[in-house]
């Protein structure tokens, strides 16, 4: 399968690239700085561009089977590239006739905020407030896109290994003082498992470690 990874130099995006290549997919990594992606593989194409520049997005989207968007902001910052870049990506997908879009969002967006534990809510309202605001806009764009989308809202991310054990759900309540975590590797593995399925199509789901 032809897989485009947007945000490929981030922690989760890099995991998607590595695992997709291991599974035999043909991967295009769309990056602003190719020097940050220290991966070499015969099935990997690295395209330099900027999601805020639509003229660089369309060539990356053409001839892809699926787009996996893992754009993110740093805590304490409000990076407009997440929302605006996703809008540009959706436009390019329509122009190129690419229908399948997977987006990595965050716990705390939409209804998932009410289901989060107290420690998570505190972090969401303080350190991650700017990040969540951008993700809210991003999710709205995706929901209104007319594409075959899946939104994944992981809990706190770690650099741990693939475990294959996680909880999934549109409504996934947590105990009051829980601080749920999941590895970026598990998030990437889950996304890639969905490539040929439609189980969660048009759904925003929470994903956390078991």
N, C-alpha and C. Protein backbone atom coordinates (compact mmCIF):
# COMPACT_ATOMS: atom_id res chain seq x y z
N UNK A 1 0.84 -1.19 0.00
CA UNK A 1 0.00 0.00 0.00
C UNK A 1 0.88 1.25 0.00
N UNK A 2 0.42 2.29 -0.64
CA UNK A 2 1.13 3.57 -0.68
C UNK A 2 0.65 4.43 0.50
N UNK A 3 1.57 4.74 1.41
CA UNK A 3 1.21 5.43 2.65
C UNK A 3 1.97 6.75 2.73
N UNK A 4 1.23 7.84 2.87
CA UNK A 4 1.85 9.15 3.09
C UNK A 4 1.79 9.46 4.58
N UNK A 5 2.93 9.81 5.17
CA UNK A 5 3.00 10.17 6.57
C UNK A 5 3.34 11.66 6.67
N UNK A 6 2.42 12.42 7.21
CA UNK A 6 2.62 13.86 7.41
C UNK A 6 2.94 14.08 8.88
N UNK A 7 4.06 14.74 9.15
CA UNK A 7 4.56 14.82 10.52
C UNK A 7 5.48 13.66 10.82
N UNK A 8 6.23 13.25 9.82
CA UNK A 8 7.03 12.03 9.92
C UNK A 8 8.25 12.15 10.82
N UNK A 9 8.66 13.37 11.18
CA UNK A 9 9.82 13.51 12.05
C UNK A 9 9.44 13.58 13.52
N UNK A 10 8.14 13.62 13.82
CA UNK A 10 7.70 13.56 15.21
C UNK A 10 7.80 12.15 15.76
N UNK A 11 7.62 12.02 17.06
CA UNK A 11 7.79 10.71 17.68
C UNK A 11 6.85 9.66 17.14
N UNK A 12 5.57 9.98 17.04
CA UNK A 12 4.61 9.01 16.52
C UNK A 12 4.76 8.82 15.03
N UNK A 13 4.96 9.92 14.31
CA UNK A 13 5.12 9.82 12.86
C UNK A 13 6.30 8.97 12.46
N UNK A 14 7.40 9.09 13.19
CA UNK A 14 8.58 8.28 12.90
C UNK A 14 8.29 6.80 13.12
N UNK A 15 7.53 6.50 14.16
CA UNK A 15 7.14 5.12 14.41
C UNK A 15 6.26 4.58 13.28
N UNK A 16 5.37 5.40 12.78
CA UNK A 16 4.52 4.98 11.66
C UNK A 16 5.38 4.65 10.45
N UNK A 17 6.34 5.52 10.15
CA UNK A 17 7.22 5.29 9.00
C UNK A 17 7.98 3.97 9.16
N UNK A 18 8.61 3.79 10.30
CA UNK A 18 9.43 2.59 10.52
C UNK A 18 8.60 1.31 10.44
N UNK A 19 7.46 1.33 11.11
CA UNK A 19 6.65 0.11 11.14
C UNK A 19 5.99 -0.17 9.79
N UNK A 20 5.58 0.87 9.09
CA UNK A 20 4.98 0.67 7.77
C UNK A 20 5.99 0.05 6.81
N UNK A 21 7.21 0.48 6.89
CA UNK A 21 8.26 -0.09 6.04
C UNK A 21 8.50 -1.56 6.40
N UNK A 22 8.51 -1.85 7.69
CA UNK A 22 8.70 -3.24 8.13
C UNK A 22 7.58 -4.14 7.63
N UNK A 23 6.39 -3.57 7.47
CA UNK A 23 5.24 -4.34 7.00
C UNK A 23 5.19 -4.46 5.48
N UNK A 24 6.13 -3.83 4.79
CA UNK A 24 6.20 -3.95 3.35
C UNK A 24 5.47 -2.88 2.56
N UNK A 25 5.02 -1.83 3.23
CA UNK A 25 4.34 -0.75 2.53
C UNK A 25 5.36 0.18 1.85
N UNK A 26 4.87 0.93 0.89
CA UNK A 26 5.67 1.98 0.26
C UNK A 26 5.31 3.29 0.95
N UNK A 27 6.30 3.93 1.55
CA UNK A 27 6.04 5.08 2.42
C UNK A 27 6.62 6.35 1.83
N UNK A 28 5.81 7.40 1.85
CA UNK A 28 6.28 8.75 1.53
C UNK A 28 6.24 9.56 2.81
N UNK A 29 7.39 10.08 3.22
CA UNK A 29 7.47 10.92 4.42
C UNK A 29 7.53 12.38 3.98
N UNK A 30 6.55 13.15 4.42
CA UNK A 30 6.46 14.57 4.07
C UNK A 30 7.02 15.37 5.25
N UNK A 31 8.15 16.05 5.04
CA UNK A 31 8.86 16.69 6.14
C UNK A 31 9.35 18.08 5.75
N UNK A 32 9.51 18.93 6.74
CA UNK A 32 10.11 20.25 6.50
C UNK A 32 11.63 20.15 6.48
N UNK A 33 12.18 19.28 7.32
CA UNK A 33 13.64 19.14 7.41
C UNK A 33 14.00 17.66 7.29
N UNK A 34 14.40 17.22 6.10
CA UNK A 34 14.71 15.79 5.91
C UNK A 34 15.88 15.31 6.76
N UNK A 35 16.72 16.23 7.22
CA UNK A 35 17.86 15.82 8.05
C UNK A 35 17.41 15.24 9.39
N UNK A 36 16.16 15.52 9.78
CA UNK A 36 15.65 15.02 11.05
C UNK A 36 15.10 13.60 10.95
N UNK A 37 14.97 13.10 9.74
CA UNK A 37 14.43 11.74 9.56
C UNK A 37 15.59 10.81 9.20
N UNK A 38 16.13 10.17 10.20
CA UNK A 38 17.32 9.33 10.01
C UNK A 38 16.92 7.89 9.70
N UNK A 39 16.13 7.74 8.64
CA UNK A 39 15.66 6.42 8.22
C UNK A 39 15.99 6.26 6.74
N UNK A 40 16.56 5.15 6.39
CA UNK A 40 16.85 4.85 4.99
C UNK A 40 16.26 3.49 4.65
N UNK A 41 15.57 3.42 3.51
CA UNK A 41 14.93 2.18 3.10
C UNK A 41 14.58 2.29 1.63
N UNK A 42 14.71 1.21 0.86
CA UNK A 42 14.38 1.29 -0.57
C UNK A 42 12.92 1.63 -0.85
N UNK A 43 12.04 1.38 0.09
CA UNK A 43 10.62 1.69 -0.10
C UNK A 43 10.21 3.04 0.49
N UNK A 44 11.19 3.82 0.91
CA UNK A 44 10.91 5.12 1.51
C UNK A 44 11.26 6.26 0.56
N UNK A 45 10.29 7.15 0.36
CA UNK A 45 10.51 8.39 -0.38
C UNK A 45 10.35 9.55 0.59
N UNK A 46 11.33 10.43 0.63
CA UNK A 46 11.26 11.60 1.51
C UNK A 46 11.03 12.84 0.66
N UNK A 47 9.92 13.52 0.92
CA UNK A 47 9.59 14.75 0.20
C UNK A 47 9.67 15.93 1.16
N UNK A 48 10.39 16.95 0.75
CA UNK A 48 10.50 18.15 1.56
C UNK A 48 9.39 19.12 1.20
N UNK A 49 8.69 19.61 2.20
CA UNK A 49 7.62 20.56 1.96
C UNK A 49 7.11 21.13 3.27
N UNK A 50 6.04 21.89 3.17
CA UNK A 50 5.47 22.56 4.33
C UNK A 50 3.95 22.51 4.20
N UNK A 51 3.27 22.00 5.22
CA UNK A 51 1.81 21.89 5.14
C UNK A 51 1.14 23.25 5.02
N UNK A 52 1.86 24.32 5.35
CA UNK A 52 1.31 25.67 5.20
C UNK A 52 1.48 26.20 3.78
N UNK A 53 2.13 25.43 2.93
CA UNK A 53 2.31 25.81 1.52
C UNK A 53 1.62 24.76 0.65
N UNK A 54 0.37 25.03 0.26
CA UNK A 54 -0.43 24.02 -0.47
C UNK A 54 0.24 23.49 -1.72
N UNK A 55 1.05 24.32 -2.37
CA UNK A 55 1.70 23.87 -3.60
C UNK A 55 2.70 22.75 -3.35
N UNK A 56 3.16 22.59 -2.11
CA UNK A 56 4.08 21.49 -1.79
C UNK A 56 3.32 20.26 -1.29
N UNK A 57 2.07 20.46 -0.87
CA UNK A 57 1.30 19.35 -0.30
C UNK A 57 0.73 18.45 -1.40
N UNK A 58 0.18 19.05 -2.44
CA UNK A 58 -0.49 18.25 -3.48
C UNK A 58 0.42 17.21 -4.12
N UNK A 59 1.67 17.53 -4.49
CA UNK A 59 2.52 16.48 -5.08
C UNK A 59 2.76 15.30 -4.14
N UNK A 60 2.76 15.55 -2.84
CA UNK A 60 2.98 14.45 -1.88
C UNK A 60 1.76 13.54 -1.79
N UNK A 61 0.58 14.13 -1.94
CA UNK A 61 -0.67 13.38 -1.78
C UNK A 61 -0.98 12.51 -2.99
N UNK A 62 -0.59 12.95 -4.15
CA UNK A 62 -0.93 12.22 -5.39
C UNK A 62 -0.47 10.77 -5.32
N UNK A 63 -1.35 9.87 -5.79
CA UNK A 63 -1.07 8.44 -5.94
C UNK A 63 -0.90 7.71 -4.60
N UNK A 64 -1.38 8.31 -3.51
CA UNK A 64 -1.35 7.63 -2.22
C UNK A 64 -2.64 6.85 -1.98
N UNK A 65 -2.56 5.78 -1.22
CA UNK A 65 -3.74 5.03 -0.82
C UNK A 65 -4.33 5.54 0.48
N UNK A 66 -3.47 6.05 1.35
CA UNK A 66 -3.90 6.55 2.65
C UNK A 66 -2.95 7.64 3.11
N UNK A 67 -3.50 8.61 3.83
CA UNK A 67 -2.69 9.66 4.44
C UNK A 67 -2.80 9.52 5.95
N UNK A 68 -1.66 9.45 6.62
CA UNK A 68 -1.64 9.42 8.09
C UNK A 68 -1.03 10.72 8.56
N UNK A 69 -1.85 11.52 9.24
CA UNK A 69 -1.44 12.85 9.67
C UNK A 69 -1.11 12.84 11.15
N UNK A 70 0.15 13.12 11.46
CA UNK A 70 0.60 13.13 12.85
C UNK A 70 1.21 14.48 13.20
N UNK A 71 0.58 15.55 12.72
CA UNK A 71 1.04 16.89 13.04
C UNK A 71 0.82 17.18 14.52
N UNK A 72 1.77 17.86 15.12
CA UNK A 72 1.62 18.16 16.54
C UNK A 72 2.27 19.47 16.92
N UNK A 73 1.93 19.93 18.11
CA UNK A 73 2.52 21.16 18.67
C UNK A 73 3.28 20.80 19.94
N UNK A 74 4.20 21.66 20.30
CA UNK A 74 4.90 21.46 21.56
C UNK A 74 4.05 22.01 22.71
N UNK A 75 4.10 21.35 23.87
CA UNK A 75 3.35 21.85 25.02
C UNK A 75 3.71 23.31 25.31
N UNK A 76 2.68 24.11 25.59
CA UNK A 76 2.90 25.52 25.88
C UNK A 76 2.88 26.39 24.65
N UNK A 77 2.76 25.77 23.46
CA UNK A 77 2.74 26.52 22.22
C UNK A 77 1.46 26.23 21.46
N UNK A 78 1.06 27.20 20.64
CA UNK A 78 -0.11 27.03 19.79
C UNK A 78 0.37 27.13 18.35
N UNK A 79 0.64 26.00 17.76
CA UNK A 79 1.19 25.94 16.40
C UNK A 79 0.06 25.88 15.39
N UNK A 80 -0.14 26.95 14.64
CA UNK A 80 -1.24 27.02 13.69
C UNK A 80 -1.09 26.05 12.53
N UNK A 81 0.09 25.45 12.41
CA UNK A 81 0.31 24.49 11.33
C UNK A 81 -0.57 23.27 11.48
N UNK A 82 -1.00 22.95 12.70
CA UNK A 82 -1.81 21.76 12.91
C UNK A 82 -3.17 21.91 12.25
N UNK A 83 -3.88 23.00 12.57
CA UNK A 83 -5.22 23.21 12.00
C UNK A 83 -5.16 23.63 10.54
N UNK A 84 -4.37 24.64 10.26
CA UNK A 84 -4.30 25.13 8.88
C UNK A 84 -3.65 24.10 7.95
N UNK A 85 -2.64 23.42 8.44
CA UNK A 85 -1.99 22.40 7.64
C UNK A 85 -2.92 21.26 7.31
N UNK A 86 -3.78 20.89 8.27
CA UNK A 86 -4.75 19.83 8.01
C UNK A 86 -5.78 20.28 6.98
N UNK A 87 -6.19 21.54 7.02
CA UNK A 87 -7.11 22.06 5.99
C UNK A 87 -6.48 21.95 4.61
N UNK A 88 -5.21 22.33 4.50
CA UNK A 88 -4.51 22.22 3.21
C UNK A 88 -4.40 20.78 2.76
N UNK A 89 -4.19 19.89 3.71
CA UNK A 89 -4.08 18.47 3.39
C UNK A 89 -5.39 17.92 2.86
N UNK A 90 -6.50 18.29 3.49
CA UNK A 90 -7.82 17.84 3.04
C UNK A 90 -8.12 18.33 1.63
N UNK A 91 -7.81 19.59 1.36
CA UNK A 91 -8.02 20.14 0.02
C UNK A 91 -7.21 19.35 -1.01
N UNK A 92 -5.95 19.08 -0.70
CA UNK A 92 -5.09 18.35 -1.62
C UNK A 92 -5.60 16.93 -1.85
N UNK A 93 -6.13 16.30 -0.81
CA UNK A 93 -6.67 14.94 -0.96
C UNK A 93 -7.86 14.93 -1.91
N UNK A 94 -8.72 15.92 -1.81
CA UNK A 94 -9.85 16.00 -2.73
C UNK A 94 -9.36 16.22 -4.16
N UNK A 95 -8.36 17.06 -4.31
CA UNK A 95 -7.82 17.34 -5.64
C UNK A 95 -7.17 16.10 -6.25
N UNK A 96 -6.55 15.29 -5.41
CA UNK A 96 -5.83 14.11 -5.89
C UNK A 96 -6.70 12.86 -5.91
N UNK A 97 -7.90 12.96 -5.37
CA UNK A 97 -8.79 11.80 -5.35
C UNK A 97 -8.39 10.75 -4.34
N UNK A 98 -7.75 11.16 -3.24
CA UNK A 98 -7.36 10.25 -2.17
C UNK A 98 -8.39 10.36 -1.06
N UNK A 99 -8.93 9.23 -0.61
CA UNK A 99 -10.10 9.27 0.26
C UNK A 99 -9.83 8.94 1.72
N UNK A 100 -8.81 8.16 2.01
CA UNK A 100 -8.63 7.63 3.38
C UNK A 100 -7.65 8.49 4.16
N UNK A 101 -8.10 8.98 5.33
CA UNK A 101 -7.30 9.86 6.17
C UNK A 101 -7.36 9.38 7.62
N UNK A 102 -6.18 9.15 8.21
CA UNK A 102 -6.06 8.85 9.64
C UNK A 102 -5.37 10.04 10.31
N UNK A 103 -5.92 10.51 11.42
CA UNK A 103 -5.37 11.68 12.11
C UNK A 103 -5.10 11.34 13.56
N UNK A 104 -3.90 11.70 14.03
CA UNK A 104 -3.54 11.54 15.43
C UNK A 104 -3.90 12.83 16.16
N UNK A 105 -4.87 12.76 17.05
CA UNK A 105 -5.30 13.91 17.82
C UNK A 105 -4.79 13.76 19.25
N UNK A 106 -5.64 14.00 20.24
CA UNK A 106 -5.18 13.92 21.63
C UNK A 106 -6.35 13.71 22.57
N UNK A 107 -6.10 12.99 23.66
CA UNK A 107 -7.06 12.94 24.74
C UNK A 107 -7.31 14.38 25.22
N UNK A 108 -8.57 14.70 25.46
CA UNK A 108 -8.91 16.05 25.88
C UNK A 108 -9.65 16.83 24.84
N UNK A 109 -9.63 16.33 23.60
CA UNK A 109 -10.36 16.98 22.52
C UNK A 109 -11.79 16.44 22.49
N UNK A 110 -12.74 17.33 22.24
CA UNK A 110 -14.14 16.90 22.14
C UNK A 110 -14.64 16.28 23.44
N UNK A 111 -15.46 15.26 23.31
CA UNK A 111 -16.08 14.62 24.47
C UNK A 111 -15.08 13.87 25.33
N UNK A 112 -13.89 13.60 24.80
CA UNK A 112 -12.92 12.83 25.59
C UNK A 112 -12.44 13.61 26.82
N UNK A 113 -12.60 14.92 26.82
CA UNK A 113 -12.18 15.69 28.00
C UNK A 113 -12.98 15.29 29.22
N UNK A 114 -14.27 15.13 29.07
CA UNK A 114 -15.13 14.80 30.21
C UNK A 114 -14.81 13.43 30.77
N UNK A 115 -14.26 12.56 29.96
CA UNK A 115 -13.96 11.20 30.40
C UNK A 115 -12.56 11.06 30.99
N UNK A 116 -11.74 12.10 30.85
CA UNK A 116 -10.36 12.05 31.33
C UNK A 116 -10.32 12.09 32.86
N UNK A 117 -9.22 11.60 33.41
CA UNK A 117 -9.04 11.62 34.86
C UNK A 117 -8.70 13.04 35.32
N UNK A 118 -8.74 13.29 36.61
CA UNK A 118 -8.44 14.62 37.15
C UNK A 118 -7.02 15.07 36.82
N UNK A 119 -5.99 14.23 36.98
CA UNK A 119 -4.65 14.68 36.60
C UNK A 119 -4.55 15.04 35.12
N UNK A 120 -5.20 14.25 34.27
CA UNK A 120 -5.17 14.54 32.84
C UNK A 120 -5.86 15.86 32.53
N UNK A 121 -7.00 16.10 33.17
CA UNK A 121 -7.74 17.35 32.95
C UNK A 121 -6.90 18.56 33.36
N UNK A 122 -6.17 18.45 34.44
CA UNK A 122 -5.33 19.54 34.91
C UNK A 122 -4.27 19.89 33.87
N UNK A 123 -3.62 18.86 33.32
CA UNK A 123 -2.59 19.08 32.31
C UNK A 123 -3.20 19.64 31.03
N UNK A 124 -4.37 19.11 30.64
CA UNK A 124 -5.05 19.56 29.43
C UNK A 124 -5.40 21.04 29.52
N UNK A 125 -5.87 21.48 30.68
CA UNK A 125 -6.32 22.86 30.87
C UNK A 125 -5.16 23.85 31.06
N UNK A 126 -3.99 23.36 31.37
CA UNK A 126 -2.86 24.25 31.63
C UNK A 126 -1.78 24.09 30.57
N UNK A 127 -0.96 23.10 30.74
CA UNK A 127 0.19 22.92 29.85
C UNK A 127 -0.21 22.69 28.40
N UNK A 128 -1.33 21.96 28.19
CA UNK A 128 -1.71 21.58 26.83
C UNK A 128 -2.86 22.41 26.25
N UNK A 129 -3.20 23.51 26.86
CA UNK A 129 -4.37 24.27 26.41
C UNK A 129 -4.24 24.74 24.95
N UNK A 130 -3.07 25.23 24.58
CA UNK A 130 -2.86 25.67 23.20
C UNK A 130 -2.89 24.52 22.22
N UNK A 131 -2.29 23.41 22.62
CA UNK A 131 -2.27 22.21 21.77
C UNK A 131 -3.69 21.71 21.53
N UNK A 132 -4.48 21.65 22.58
CA UNK A 132 -5.85 21.14 22.47
C UNK A 132 -6.71 22.06 21.62
N UNK A 133 -6.51 23.37 21.75
CA UNK A 133 -7.28 24.31 20.93
C UNK A 133 -7.04 24.08 19.45
N UNK A 134 -5.80 23.82 19.08
CA UNK A 134 -5.49 23.53 17.68
C UNK A 134 -6.07 22.20 17.24
N UNK A 135 -6.01 21.22 18.12
CA UNK A 135 -6.56 19.91 17.80
C UNK A 135 -8.08 19.96 17.62
N UNK A 136 -8.75 20.82 18.40
CA UNK A 136 -10.20 20.98 18.23
C UNK A 136 -10.51 21.47 16.81
N UNK A 137 -9.77 22.46 16.36
CA UNK A 137 -9.96 22.98 15.00
C UNK A 137 -9.63 21.92 13.96
N UNK A 138 -8.56 21.18 14.22
CA UNK A 138 -8.16 20.12 13.30
C UNK A 138 -9.26 19.07 13.16
N UNK A 139 -9.79 18.62 14.29
CA UNK A 139 -10.82 17.59 14.25
C UNK A 139 -12.07 18.08 13.52
N UNK A 140 -12.43 19.34 13.72
CA UNK A 140 -13.60 19.88 13.02
C UNK A 140 -13.40 19.83 11.52
N UNK A 141 -12.20 20.20 11.07
CA UNK A 141 -11.88 20.12 9.65
C UNK A 141 -12.01 18.70 9.13
N UNK A 142 -11.51 17.75 9.88
CA UNK A 142 -11.56 16.35 9.46
C UNK A 142 -13.00 15.85 9.40
N UNK A 143 -13.78 16.18 10.41
CA UNK A 143 -15.18 15.73 10.45
C UNK A 143 -15.99 16.28 9.27
N UNK A 144 -15.66 17.46 8.84
CA UNK A 144 -16.40 18.12 7.75
C UNK A 144 -15.77 17.86 6.38
N UNK A 145 -14.75 17.01 6.33
CA UNK A 145 -13.95 16.84 5.11
C UNK A 145 -14.65 16.05 4.01
N UNK A 146 -15.60 15.18 4.37
CA UNK A 146 -16.19 14.30 3.37
C UNK A 146 -15.30 13.14 3.00
N UNK A 147 -14.21 12.95 3.72
CA UNK A 147 -13.28 11.85 3.48
C UNK A 147 -13.64 10.65 4.36
N UNK A 148 -12.98 9.53 4.13
CA UNK A 148 -13.10 8.35 4.99
C UNK A 148 -12.06 8.49 6.09
N UNK A 149 -12.44 9.07 7.21
CA UNK A 149 -11.47 9.43 8.23
C UNK A 149 -11.60 8.59 9.49
N UNK A 150 -10.50 8.53 10.21
CA UNK A 150 -10.46 7.98 11.57
C UNK A 150 -9.63 8.95 12.40
N UNK A 151 -10.15 9.37 13.53
CA UNK A 151 -9.42 10.22 14.47
C UNK A 151 -9.04 9.38 15.67
N UNK A 152 -7.76 9.38 16.00
CA UNK A 152 -7.27 8.62 17.15
C UNK A 152 -6.77 9.61 18.21
N UNK A 153 -7.32 9.48 19.42
CA UNK A 153 -6.96 10.36 20.53
C UNK A 153 -6.17 9.57 21.57
N UNK A 154 -4.85 9.52 21.46
CA UNK A 154 -4.07 8.78 22.44
C UNK A 154 -3.97 9.53 23.76
N UNK A 155 -3.77 8.77 24.82
CA UNK A 155 -3.49 9.36 26.12
C UNK A 155 -2.02 9.78 26.15
N UNK A 156 -1.48 10.07 27.32
CA UNK A 156 -0.10 10.53 27.43
C UNK A 156 0.85 9.56 26.72
N UNK A 157 1.71 10.11 25.87
CA UNK A 157 2.57 9.28 25.01
C UNK A 157 3.93 9.01 25.65
N UNK A 158 4.40 7.79 25.47
CA UNK A 158 5.73 7.40 25.95
C UNK A 158 6.55 6.87 24.78
N UNK A 159 7.83 6.66 25.03
CA UNK A 159 8.72 6.10 24.02
C UNK A 159 8.93 4.60 24.21
N UNK A 160 8.00 3.96 24.86
CA UNK A 160 8.10 2.53 25.10
C UNK A 160 7.92 1.71 23.84
N UNK A 161 8.10 0.40 23.94
CA UNK A 161 8.02 -0.50 22.78
C UNK A 161 6.57 -0.84 22.43
N UNK A 162 6.42 -1.55 21.33
CA UNK A 162 5.11 -2.09 20.96
C UNK A 162 4.74 -3.17 21.98
N UNK A 163 3.54 -3.08 22.52
CA UNK A 163 3.05 -4.12 23.42
C UNK A 163 1.89 -4.89 22.79
N UNK A 164 1.14 -4.23 21.92
CA UNK A 164 -0.03 -4.85 21.33
C UNK A 164 -1.21 -4.92 22.27
N UNK A 165 -1.07 -4.32 23.45
CA UNK A 165 -2.14 -4.34 24.44
C UNK A 165 -2.61 -2.91 24.69
N UNK A 166 -3.84 -2.63 24.32
CA UNK A 166 -4.37 -1.29 24.56
C UNK A 166 -5.89 -1.34 24.60
N UNK A 167 -6.47 -0.28 25.14
CA UNK A 167 -7.92 -0.14 25.20
C UNK A 167 -8.36 0.88 24.16
N UNK A 168 -9.48 0.60 23.51
CA UNK A 168 -9.97 1.42 22.41
C UNK A 168 -11.45 1.71 22.65
N UNK A 169 -11.87 2.92 22.38
CA UNK A 169 -13.30 3.20 22.47
C UNK A 169 -13.65 4.63 22.16
N UNK A 170 -14.86 4.85 21.65
CA UNK A 170 -15.33 6.22 21.44
C UNK A 170 -15.56 6.91 22.78
N UNK A 171 -15.97 6.14 23.77
CA UNK A 171 -16.17 6.66 25.12
C UNK A 171 -15.42 5.74 26.06
N UNK A 172 -14.30 6.22 26.57
CA UNK A 172 -13.40 5.37 27.35
C UNK A 172 -13.12 6.05 28.69
N UNK A 173 -13.96 5.83 29.68
CA UNK A 173 -13.78 6.50 30.97
C UNK A 173 -12.56 5.98 31.72
N UNK A 174 -11.99 6.86 32.52
CA UNK A 174 -10.82 6.51 33.33
C UNK A 174 -11.15 6.72 34.80
N UNK A 175 -10.44 5.99 35.65
CA UNK A 175 -10.64 6.21 37.08
C UNK A 175 -10.18 7.62 37.44
N UNK A 176 -10.71 8.12 38.53
CA UNK A 176 -10.59 9.55 38.86
C UNK A 176 -9.15 10.04 38.90
N UNK A 177 -8.24 9.25 39.46
CA UNK A 177 -6.87 9.71 39.63
C UNK A 177 -5.87 8.96 38.75
N UNK A 178 -6.39 8.30 37.74
CA UNK A 178 -5.53 7.57 36.80
C UNK A 178 -4.74 8.56 35.95
N UNK A 179 -3.54 8.15 35.54
CA UNK A 179 -2.76 8.95 34.58
C UNK A 179 -2.39 8.02 33.43
N UNK A 180 -3.32 7.82 32.49
CA UNK A 180 -3.14 6.79 31.45
C UNK A 180 -2.04 7.14 30.46
N UNK A 181 -1.36 6.11 29.99
CA UNK A 181 -0.27 6.28 29.04
C UNK A 181 -0.37 5.22 27.95
N UNK A 182 0.27 5.52 26.83
CA UNK A 182 0.41 4.54 25.75
C UNK A 182 1.68 4.89 24.97
N UNK A 183 2.36 3.89 24.47
CA UNK A 183 3.59 4.17 23.72
C UNK A 183 3.26 4.66 22.31
N UNK A 184 4.11 5.50 21.79
CA UNK A 184 3.97 5.95 20.41
C UNK A 184 4.03 4.76 19.46
N UNK A 185 4.81 3.77 19.83
CA UNK A 185 4.92 2.57 19.00
C UNK A 185 3.59 1.84 18.91
N UNK A 186 2.85 1.77 20.02
CA UNK A 186 1.54 1.12 20.00
C UNK A 186 0.53 1.94 19.19
N UNK A 187 0.59 3.25 19.29
CA UNK A 187 -0.30 4.10 18.49
C UNK A 187 -0.06 3.86 17.00
N UNK A 188 1.22 3.85 16.62
CA UNK A 188 1.55 3.60 15.21
C UNK A 188 1.08 2.23 14.76
N UNK A 189 1.29 1.22 15.60
CA UNK A 189 0.87 -0.14 15.25
C UNK A 189 -0.64 -0.21 15.06
N UNK A 190 -1.38 0.46 15.94
CA UNK A 190 -2.83 0.47 15.81
C UNK A 190 -3.26 1.10 14.49
N UNK A 191 -2.69 2.24 14.15
CA UNK A 191 -3.03 2.92 12.91
C UNK A 191 -2.79 2.02 11.70
N UNK A 192 -1.66 1.37 11.69
CA UNK A 192 -1.32 0.53 10.54
C UNK A 192 -2.19 -0.72 10.47
N UNK A 193 -2.70 -1.18 11.61
CA UNK A 193 -3.61 -2.32 11.61
C UNK A 193 -4.95 -1.96 10.96
N UNK A 194 -5.25 -0.67 10.90
CA UNK A 194 -6.54 -0.23 10.37
C UNK A 194 -6.51 0.04 8.86
N UNK A 195 -5.39 -0.15 8.23
CA UNK A 195 -5.26 0.25 6.82
C UNK A 195 -6.27 -0.44 5.91
N UNK A 196 -6.58 -1.66 6.18
CA UNK A 196 -7.50 -2.39 5.31
C UNK A 196 -8.80 -2.72 6.03
N UNK A 197 -9.12 -1.95 7.06
CA UNK A 197 -10.35 -2.16 7.82
C UNK A 197 -11.16 -0.86 7.81
N UNK A 198 -12.45 -0.99 8.12
CA UNK A 198 -13.28 0.20 8.27
C UNK A 198 -14.02 0.19 9.60
N UNK A 199 -13.46 -0.53 10.57
CA UNK A 199 -14.10 -0.68 11.88
C UNK A 199 -14.39 0.66 12.54
N UNK A 200 -13.44 1.58 12.43
CA UNK A 200 -13.58 2.86 13.12
C UNK A 200 -13.75 4.03 12.16
N UNK A 201 -14.18 3.75 10.94
CA UNK A 201 -14.36 4.80 9.96
C UNK A 201 -15.40 5.81 10.44
N UNK A 202 -15.09 7.10 10.26
CA UNK A 202 -15.95 8.21 10.70
C UNK A 202 -16.13 8.24 12.21
N UNK A 203 -15.13 7.78 12.94
CA UNK A 203 -15.21 7.79 14.40
C UNK A 203 -13.97 8.43 14.99
N UNK A 204 -14.15 9.08 16.13
CA UNK A 204 -13.04 9.59 16.93
C UNK A 204 -12.93 8.70 18.15
N UNK A 205 -11.81 8.03 18.30
CA UNK A 205 -11.66 7.05 19.37
C UNK A 205 -10.50 7.39 20.28
N UNK A 206 -10.64 7.02 21.53
CA UNK A 206 -9.56 7.16 22.50
C UNK A 206 -8.75 5.88 22.53
N UNK A 207 -7.44 6.02 22.68
CA UNK A 207 -6.53 4.88 22.67
C UNK A 207 -5.59 5.01 23.87
N UNK A 208 -5.53 3.98 24.69
CA UNK A 208 -4.65 3.99 25.84
C UNK A 208 -4.10 2.61 26.12
N UNK A 209 -3.03 2.55 26.87
CA UNK A 209 -2.45 1.27 27.21
C UNK A 209 -3.38 0.43 28.07
N UNK A 210 -3.24 -0.87 27.98
CA UNK A 210 -4.11 -1.77 28.74
C UNK A 210 -3.76 -1.74 30.23
